[in-house]
Every structure is written in structure tokens, then in C-alpha cells.
Amino acid sequence: MASRVFTAFHALPLRHGMTVGELARMYNDERQWKANLTVVLLEGWSRQMWFDQTGLPWTNPSPNMRSLPAATLYAGVGLLEFSISVGRGTDTPFEILGAPYINAEKLAVEMNAANLPGVRFQAAHFTPKASIF
């Protein structure tokens, strides 16, 4: 059985792609809760859609996650947070990263040399303000 601490209620990949109803069914099955669930299927939605394609208004899930780009990047960039700033305390959290010991220009050149599809790196210099929690 999965850990029952707040940050790890159930063993899941960081990005799982399941709806809340699918998660409820999985928890019910894997934890053998035997709850009588009624899951209402979504209309006008497909798994391939990004949130902005749904036409629904964005609601910040966290004070530091204020946009779809931030939510998209969080799963990867947030993992770096133990050793560098990931932009918390700026207007673009998870969209920028850095540390006093990083040469921003050199890092941008090296990362762009990797030719990652759909990604472009640009040097930036910033000083985070106090984060709102």
C-alpha cells in the first residue's frame, strides 16, 4: 500500500494524465475501499487536449502556479528546486531558473545546442522577491 503522507497519498507518476474520476476509480480499486462511485463522464473533452483548449477559466492551483506554462513546466523544473531557484518569487515561476553560480549566457548556448524540439533557451538575470504562500 502507498504511503499516507500528505505529499504522497497514493503512488502516482508526477504527470499521470488521469481525470479526477479516473483517479477516484483507481483509488477505490487499489485501496479496496468498495465505495459506490458514480463518475460523470466529461463531454466535449479528449485526453489530447491542453487545458487552454477546453475554454474553461484558469484557476491558480497554487500561489506559485499562475499559468498553464508554469503548470506544464512544474513537473520537470520543480525537480531542480533543491539546488537552484526555479523562479518562485518572480512573475514567471517555473518558467525561469538560475543560481548565483550559473553563467546564464553559457547555459543558454549549451541548452540551445541540444536542439530540443519546441524549446528555446534565453539568458535571463533575476532576483526573486519573497514568495507568497
N, C-alpha and C. Protein backbone atom coordinates (compact mmCIF):
# COMPACT_ATOMS: atom_id res chain seq x y z
N MET A 1 0.85 -1.17 0.00
CA MET A 1 0.00 0.00 0.00
C MET A 1 0.89 1.24 0.00
N ALA A 2 0.42 2.27 -0.67
CA ALA A 2 1.18 3.51 -0.80
C ALA A 2 1.28 4.24 0.53
N SER A 3 2.27 5.10 0.59
CA SER A 3 2.46 5.94 1.76
C SER A 3 1.24 6.82 1.99
N ARG A 4 0.94 7.17 3.23
CA ARG A 4 -0.21 8.00 3.53
C ARG A 4 0.20 9.37 4.06
N VAL A 5 1.33 9.86 3.62
CA VAL A 5 1.72 11.21 4.00
C VAL A 5 1.04 12.19 3.05
N PHE A 6 0.93 13.45 3.46
CA PHE A 6 0.20 14.44 2.68
C PHE A 6 0.69 14.54 1.24
N THR A 7 1.99 14.55 1.04
CA THR A 7 2.52 14.75 -0.30
C THR A 7 2.55 13.48 -1.14
N ALA A 8 2.23 12.36 -0.56
CA ALA A 8 2.26 11.10 -1.31
C ALA A 8 1.09 10.21 -0.88
N PHE A 9 -0.12 10.69 -1.09
CA PHE A 9 -1.31 9.95 -0.69
C PHE A 9 -1.36 8.58 -1.36
N HIS A 10 -0.94 8.52 -2.61
CA HIS A 10 -1.00 7.28 -3.38
C HIS A 10 0.15 7.30 -4.39
N ALA A 11 0.72 6.16 -4.67
CA ALA A 11 1.82 6.09 -5.63
C ALA A 11 1.33 6.45 -7.02
N LEU A 12 1.83 7.56 -7.54
CA LEU A 12 1.46 8.04 -8.87
C LEU A 12 2.67 8.66 -9.54
N PRO A 13 2.74 8.57 -10.86
CA PRO A 13 3.77 9.35 -11.55
C PRO A 13 3.47 10.83 -11.36
N LEU A 14 4.48 11.66 -11.44
CA LEU A 14 4.30 13.09 -11.27
C LEU A 14 3.29 13.65 -12.28
N ARG A 15 3.34 13.17 -13.52
CA ARG A 15 2.36 13.55 -14.54
C ARG A 15 1.66 12.28 -14.96
N HIS A 16 0.43 12.11 -14.53
CA HIS A 16 -0.29 10.86 -14.79
C HIS A 16 -1.34 10.98 -15.88
N GLY A 17 -1.92 12.13 -16.12
CA GLY A 17 -2.89 12.31 -17.19
C GLY A 17 -4.28 11.78 -16.91
N MET A 18 -4.59 11.41 -15.68
CA MET A 18 -5.92 10.90 -15.36
C MET A 18 -6.84 12.02 -14.91
N THR A 19 -8.14 11.82 -15.17
CA THR A 19 -9.13 12.75 -14.67
C THR A 19 -9.37 12.46 -13.19
N VAL A 20 -10.07 13.37 -12.53
CA VAL A 20 -10.39 13.16 -11.12
C VAL A 20 -11.24 11.89 -10.95
N GLY A 21 -12.17 11.66 -11.88
CA GLY A 21 -12.99 10.45 -11.83
C GLY A 21 -12.16 9.19 -11.99
N GLU A 22 -11.21 9.21 -12.91
CA GLU A 22 -10.33 8.06 -13.10
C GLU A 22 -9.48 7.81 -11.86
N LEU A 23 -8.99 8.89 -11.25
CA LEU A 23 -8.23 8.74 -10.01
C LEU A 23 -9.09 8.13 -8.92
N ALA A 24 -10.34 8.59 -8.79
CA ALA A 24 -11.25 8.06 -7.77
C ALA A 24 -11.46 6.56 -7.98
N ARG A 25 -11.68 6.16 -9.21
CA ARG A 25 -11.87 4.73 -9.50
C ARG A 25 -10.62 3.92 -9.15
N MET A 26 -9.44 4.46 -9.51
CA MET A 26 -8.20 3.76 -9.21
C MET A 26 -7.99 3.61 -7.70
N TYR A 27 -8.18 4.71 -6.96
CA TYR A 27 -8.04 4.64 -5.51
C TYR A 27 -9.01 3.62 -4.93
N ASN A 28 -10.24 3.67 -5.38
CA ASN A 28 -11.27 2.76 -4.89
C ASN A 28 -10.87 1.30 -5.13
N ASP A 29 -10.37 1.02 -6.34
CA ASP A 29 -9.96 -0.34 -6.67
C ASP A 29 -8.70 -0.77 -5.93
N GLU A 30 -7.66 0.05 -6.02
CA GLU A 30 -6.37 -0.34 -5.46
C GLU A 30 -6.34 -0.34 -3.94
N ARG A 31 -7.15 0.48 -3.32
CA ARG A 31 -7.20 0.52 -1.86
C ARG A 31 -8.36 -0.30 -1.30
N GLN A 32 -9.10 -0.91 -2.22
CA GLN A 32 -10.22 -1.79 -1.86
C GLN A 32 -11.19 -1.11 -0.90
N TRP A 33 -11.56 0.13 -1.22
CA TRP A 33 -12.48 0.89 -0.38
C TRP A 33 -13.92 0.45 -0.56
N LYS A 34 -14.23 -0.12 -1.73
CA LYS A 34 -15.60 -0.59 -2.02
C LYS A 34 -16.64 0.53 -1.96
N ALA A 35 -16.22 1.75 -2.27
CA ALA A 35 -17.16 2.88 -2.31
C ALA A 35 -18.04 2.75 -3.54
N ASN A 36 -19.30 3.14 -3.41
CA ASN A 36 -20.24 3.12 -4.52
C ASN A 36 -20.07 4.43 -5.28
N LEU A 37 -19.21 4.42 -6.30
CA LEU A 37 -18.87 5.63 -7.03
C LEU A 37 -19.77 5.85 -8.24
N THR A 38 -20.10 7.07 -8.48
CA THR A 38 -20.74 7.48 -9.73
C THR A 38 -19.83 8.53 -10.33
N VAL A 39 -19.22 8.21 -11.45
CA VAL A 39 -18.32 9.13 -12.12
C VAL A 39 -19.02 9.62 -13.38
N VAL A 40 -19.20 10.92 -13.46
CA VAL A 40 -19.85 11.55 -14.61
C VAL A 40 -18.79 11.78 -15.68
N LEU A 41 -19.02 11.25 -16.87
CA LEU A 41 -18.06 11.40 -17.95
C LEU A 41 -18.06 12.83 -18.47
N LEU A 42 -16.89 13.30 -18.86
CA LEU A 42 -16.75 14.64 -19.41
C LEU A 42 -17.25 14.67 -20.85
N GLU A 43 -17.92 15.76 -21.20
CA GLU A 43 -18.36 15.96 -22.58
C GLU A 43 -17.51 17.07 -23.20
N GLY A 44 -17.25 16.94 -24.50
CA GLY A 44 -16.50 17.97 -25.20
C GLY A 44 -15.04 18.01 -24.82
N TRP A 45 -14.50 16.92 -24.35
CA TRP A 45 -13.11 16.86 -23.91
C TRP A 45 -12.47 15.60 -24.46
N SER A 46 -11.21 15.67 -24.80
CA SER A 46 -10.44 14.47 -25.15
C SER A 46 -9.09 14.56 -24.45
N ARG A 47 -8.50 13.43 -24.19
CA ARG A 47 -7.26 13.36 -23.44
C ARG A 47 -6.12 14.14 -24.12
N GLN A 48 -6.19 14.31 -25.42
CA GLN A 48 -5.13 15.02 -26.13
C GLN A 48 -5.19 16.53 -25.94
N MET A 49 -6.27 17.06 -25.35
CA MET A 49 -6.44 18.50 -25.21
C MET A 49 -5.56 19.06 -24.10
N TRP A 50 -5.06 20.27 -24.35
CA TRP A 50 -4.40 21.04 -23.31
C TRP A 50 -5.48 21.85 -22.60
N PHE A 51 -5.20 22.30 -21.39
CA PHE A 51 -6.22 22.99 -20.61
C PHE A 51 -6.79 24.20 -21.35
N ASP A 52 -5.94 24.97 -22.02
CA ASP A 52 -6.43 26.17 -22.70
C ASP A 52 -7.35 25.85 -23.86
N GLN A 53 -7.37 24.61 -24.33
CA GLN A 53 -8.27 24.20 -25.40
C GLN A 53 -9.67 23.84 -24.88
N THR A 54 -9.84 23.78 -23.57
CA THR A 54 -11.15 23.42 -23.02
C THR A 54 -12.10 24.60 -22.96
N GLY A 55 -11.58 25.83 -22.99
CA GLY A 55 -12.42 27.01 -22.87
C GLY A 55 -12.78 27.32 -21.42
N LEU A 56 -12.27 26.54 -20.48
CA LEU A 56 -12.55 26.78 -19.07
C LEU A 56 -11.63 27.86 -18.53
N PRO A 57 -12.09 28.61 -17.52
CA PRO A 57 -11.22 29.64 -16.94
C PRO A 57 -10.12 29.00 -16.10
N TRP A 58 -8.93 29.60 -16.14
CA TRP A 58 -7.81 29.11 -15.33
C TRP A 58 -8.03 29.51 -13.88
N THR A 59 -7.84 28.59 -12.96
CA THR A 59 -7.85 28.86 -11.53
C THR A 59 -6.50 28.43 -10.99
N ASN A 60 -5.80 29.34 -10.33
CA ASN A 60 -4.47 29.01 -9.83
C ASN A 60 -4.56 27.87 -8.81
N PRO A 61 -3.90 26.73 -9.07
CA PRO A 61 -3.89 25.65 -8.09
C PRO A 61 -2.94 25.93 -6.93
N SER A 62 -2.09 26.95 -7.08
CA SER A 62 -1.10 27.30 -6.08
C SER A 62 -0.71 28.75 -6.31
N PRO A 63 -0.30 29.46 -5.24
CA PRO A 63 0.16 30.84 -5.45
C PRO A 63 1.34 30.95 -6.40
N ASN A 64 2.13 29.90 -6.52
CA ASN A 64 3.29 29.92 -7.41
C ASN A 64 3.03 29.25 -8.75
N MET A 65 1.79 28.86 -9.01
CA MET A 65 1.46 28.24 -10.29
C MET A 65 0.29 29.03 -10.88
N ARG A 66 0.66 30.10 -11.60
CA ARG A 66 -0.34 31.06 -12.04
C ARG A 66 -0.64 31.03 -13.53
N SER A 67 -0.17 30.00 -14.22
CA SER A 67 -0.40 29.94 -15.66
C SER A 67 -0.26 28.50 -16.16
N LEU A 68 -0.79 28.26 -17.35
CA LEU A 68 -0.63 26.95 -17.97
C LEU A 68 0.85 26.64 -18.24
N PRO A 69 1.65 27.59 -18.75
CA PRO A 69 3.08 27.28 -18.91
C PRO A 69 3.75 26.86 -17.59
N ALA A 70 3.42 27.54 -16.50
CA ALA A 70 4.01 27.17 -15.21
C ALA A 70 3.59 25.76 -14.82
N ALA A 71 2.31 25.43 -14.99
CA ALA A 71 1.83 24.10 -14.64
C ALA A 71 2.47 23.03 -15.53
N THR A 72 2.67 23.35 -16.79
CA THR A 72 3.29 22.41 -17.72
C THR A 72 4.75 22.16 -17.36
N LEU A 73 5.45 23.21 -16.99
CA LEU A 73 6.88 23.10 -16.69
C LEU A 73 7.17 22.57 -15.29
N TYR A 74 6.23 22.70 -14.39
CA TYR A 74 6.45 22.34 -12.98
C TYR A 74 6.99 20.92 -12.81
N ALA A 75 6.43 19.98 -13.53
CA ALA A 75 6.83 18.58 -13.34
C ALA A 75 8.32 18.35 -13.57
N GLY A 76 8.92 19.07 -14.49
CA GLY A 76 10.35 18.91 -14.73
C GLY A 76 11.19 19.91 -13.99
N VAL A 77 10.84 21.18 -14.09
CA VAL A 77 11.63 22.24 -13.48
C VAL A 77 11.58 22.17 -11.96
N GLY A 78 10.43 21.83 -11.41
CA GLY A 78 10.28 21.75 -9.95
C GLY A 78 11.23 20.75 -9.31
N LEU A 79 11.64 19.74 -10.06
CA LEU A 79 12.57 18.74 -9.52
C LEU A 79 13.96 19.32 -9.27
N LEU A 80 14.26 20.45 -9.88
CA LEU A 80 15.57 21.09 -9.72
C LEU A 80 15.64 22.01 -8.51
N GLU A 81 14.51 22.20 -7.86
CA GLU A 81 14.37 23.22 -6.83
C GLU A 81 15.29 23.03 -5.63
N PHE A 82 15.80 21.86 -5.41
CA PHE A 82 16.68 21.65 -4.25
C PHE A 82 18.03 22.35 -4.39
N SER A 83 18.43 22.68 -5.64
CA SER A 83 19.77 23.25 -5.81
C SER A 83 19.80 24.59 -6.55
N ILE A 84 18.70 24.97 -7.16
CA ILE A 84 18.67 26.25 -7.88
C ILE A 84 17.32 26.92 -7.65
N SER A 85 17.23 28.21 -8.00
CA SER A 85 15.95 28.91 -7.97
C SER A 85 15.18 28.53 -9.23
N VAL A 86 13.91 28.20 -9.07
CA VAL A 86 13.06 27.87 -10.21
C VAL A 86 12.07 29.00 -10.49
N GLY A 87 12.43 30.19 -10.06
CA GLY A 87 11.64 31.35 -10.38
C GLY A 87 10.54 31.69 -9.39
N ARG A 88 10.44 30.94 -8.28
CA ARG A 88 9.48 31.35 -7.26
C ARG A 88 9.87 32.75 -6.79
N GLY A 89 8.88 33.58 -6.54
CA GLY A 89 9.16 34.94 -6.14
C GLY A 89 9.37 35.88 -7.31
N THR A 90 9.11 35.39 -8.54
CA THR A 90 9.15 36.24 -9.73
C THR A 90 7.77 36.21 -10.37
N ASP A 91 7.61 36.95 -11.45
CA ASP A 91 6.34 36.96 -12.17
C ASP A 91 6.16 35.72 -13.04
N THR A 92 7.22 34.92 -13.19
CA THR A 92 7.15 33.74 -14.06
C THR A 92 7.73 32.50 -13.38
N PRO A 93 7.16 32.08 -12.25
CA PRO A 93 7.69 30.89 -11.60
C PRO A 93 7.64 29.67 -12.51
N PHE A 94 8.67 28.85 -12.45
CA PHE A 94 8.88 27.63 -13.21
C PHE A 94 9.17 27.88 -14.69
N GLU A 95 9.14 29.14 -15.12
CA GLU A 95 9.50 29.47 -16.50
C GLU A 95 10.93 29.97 -16.59
N ILE A 96 11.54 30.28 -15.45
CA ILE A 96 12.94 30.68 -15.40
C ILE A 96 13.64 29.90 -14.30
N LEU A 97 14.92 29.77 -14.42
CA LEU A 97 15.69 29.12 -13.35
C LEU A 97 17.07 29.73 -13.31
N GLY A 98 17.71 29.60 -12.17
CA GLY A 98 19.04 30.14 -12.06
C GLY A 98 19.62 30.03 -10.67
N ALA A 99 20.84 30.47 -10.54
CA ALA A 99 21.57 30.50 -9.28
C ALA A 99 22.75 31.44 -9.47
N PRO A 100 23.24 32.01 -8.38
CA PRO A 100 24.36 32.94 -8.50
C PRO A 100 25.59 32.34 -9.17
N TYR A 101 25.75 31.03 -9.09
CA TYR A 101 26.94 30.39 -9.66
C TYR A 101 26.75 29.93 -11.11
N ILE A 102 25.61 30.25 -11.73
CA ILE A 102 25.35 29.84 -13.11
C ILE A 102 25.65 31.01 -14.06
N ASN A 103 26.35 30.71 -15.14
CA ASN A 103 26.59 31.68 -16.21
C ASN A 103 25.41 31.54 -17.17
N ALA A 104 24.46 32.49 -17.09
CA ALA A 104 23.22 32.39 -17.84
C ALA A 104 23.44 32.32 -19.35
N GLU A 105 24.34 33.11 -19.86
CA GLU A 105 24.59 33.13 -21.30
C GLU A 105 25.15 31.79 -21.77
N LYS A 106 26.13 31.28 -21.05
CA LYS A 106 26.74 29.99 -21.42
C LYS A 106 25.72 28.85 -21.31
N LEU A 107 24.91 28.87 -20.26
CA LEU A 107 23.89 27.83 -20.10
C LEU A 107 22.90 27.86 -21.26
N ALA A 108 22.45 29.06 -21.66
CA ALA A 108 21.51 29.17 -22.78
C ALA A 108 22.11 28.62 -24.07
N VAL A 109 23.37 28.97 -24.33
CA VAL A 109 24.05 28.47 -25.54
C VAL A 109 24.12 26.94 -25.51
N GLU A 110 24.55 26.37 -24.40
CA GLU A 110 24.68 24.91 -24.28
C GLU A 110 23.34 24.21 -24.41
N MET A 111 22.31 24.76 -23.77
CA MET A 111 20.98 24.13 -23.84
C MET A 111 20.41 24.23 -25.25
N ASN A 112 20.58 25.37 -25.92
CA ASN A 112 20.10 25.50 -27.29
C ASN A 112 20.85 24.57 -28.24
N ALA A 113 22.11 24.26 -27.94
CA ALA A 113 22.88 23.34 -28.77
C ALA A 113 22.30 21.93 -28.76
N ALA A 114 21.50 21.62 -27.74
CA ALA A 114 20.87 20.29 -27.67
C ALA A 114 19.73 20.14 -28.67
N ASN A 115 19.29 21.25 -29.27
CA ASN A 115 18.23 21.23 -30.29
C ASN A 115 16.99 20.46 -29.84
N LEU A 116 16.53 20.76 -28.64
CA LEU A 116 15.33 20.11 -28.13
C LEU A 116 14.10 20.63 -28.88
N PRO A 117 13.26 19.74 -29.40
CA PRO A 117 12.11 20.19 -30.18
C PRO A 117 11.16 21.05 -29.35
N GLY A 118 10.78 22.20 -29.89
CA GLY A 118 9.81 23.07 -29.24
C GLY A 118 10.33 23.88 -28.08
N VAL A 119 11.64 23.86 -27.84
CA VAL A 119 12.21 24.56 -26.69
C VAL A 119 13.30 25.52 -27.16
N ARG A 120 13.27 26.71 -26.60
CA ARG A 120 14.31 27.71 -26.87
C ARG A 120 14.74 28.31 -25.54
N PHE A 121 16.02 28.39 -25.30
CA PHE A 121 16.54 28.92 -24.04
C PHE A 121 17.11 30.31 -24.27
N GLN A 122 16.87 31.19 -23.31
CA GLN A 122 17.34 32.57 -23.39
C GLN A 122 17.92 32.95 -22.03
N ALA A 123 19.06 33.58 -22.04
CA ALA A 123 19.67 34.02 -20.78
C ALA A 123 18.79 35.06 -20.11
N ALA A 124 18.67 34.96 -18.80
CA ALA A 124 17.90 35.93 -18.02
C ALA A 124 18.59 36.13 -16.69
N HIS A 125 18.48 37.33 -16.17
CA HIS A 125 19.04 37.65 -14.86
C HIS A 125 17.89 38.13 -13.99
N PHE A 126 17.75 37.57 -12.79
CA PHE A 126 16.63 37.94 -11.93
C PHE A 126 17.02 37.80 -10.47
N THR A 127 16.29 38.51 -9.63
CA THR A 127 16.41 38.39 -8.19
C THR A 127 15.01 38.13 -7.65
N PRO A 128 14.76 36.94 -7.11
CA PRO A 128 13.42 36.65 -6.60
C PRO A 128 13.04 37.57 -5.45
N LYS A 129 11.75 37.91 -5.42
CA LYS A 129 11.20 38.62 -4.28
C LYS A 129 10.65 37.55 -3.34
N ALA A 130 10.17 37.93 -2.19
CA ALA A 130 9.59 36.96 -1.26
C ALA A 130 8.40 36.27 -1.93
N SER A 131 8.35 34.94 -1.83
CA SER A 131 7.23 34.18 -2.38
C SER A 131 6.01 34.33 -1.48
N ILE A 132 4.85 34.26 -2.08
CA ILE A 132 3.59 34.31 -1.33
C ILE A 132 3.15 32.87 -1.12
N PHE A 133 2.96 32.49 0.13
CA PHE A 133 2.49 31.12 0.41
C PHE A 133 1.18 31.17 1.14
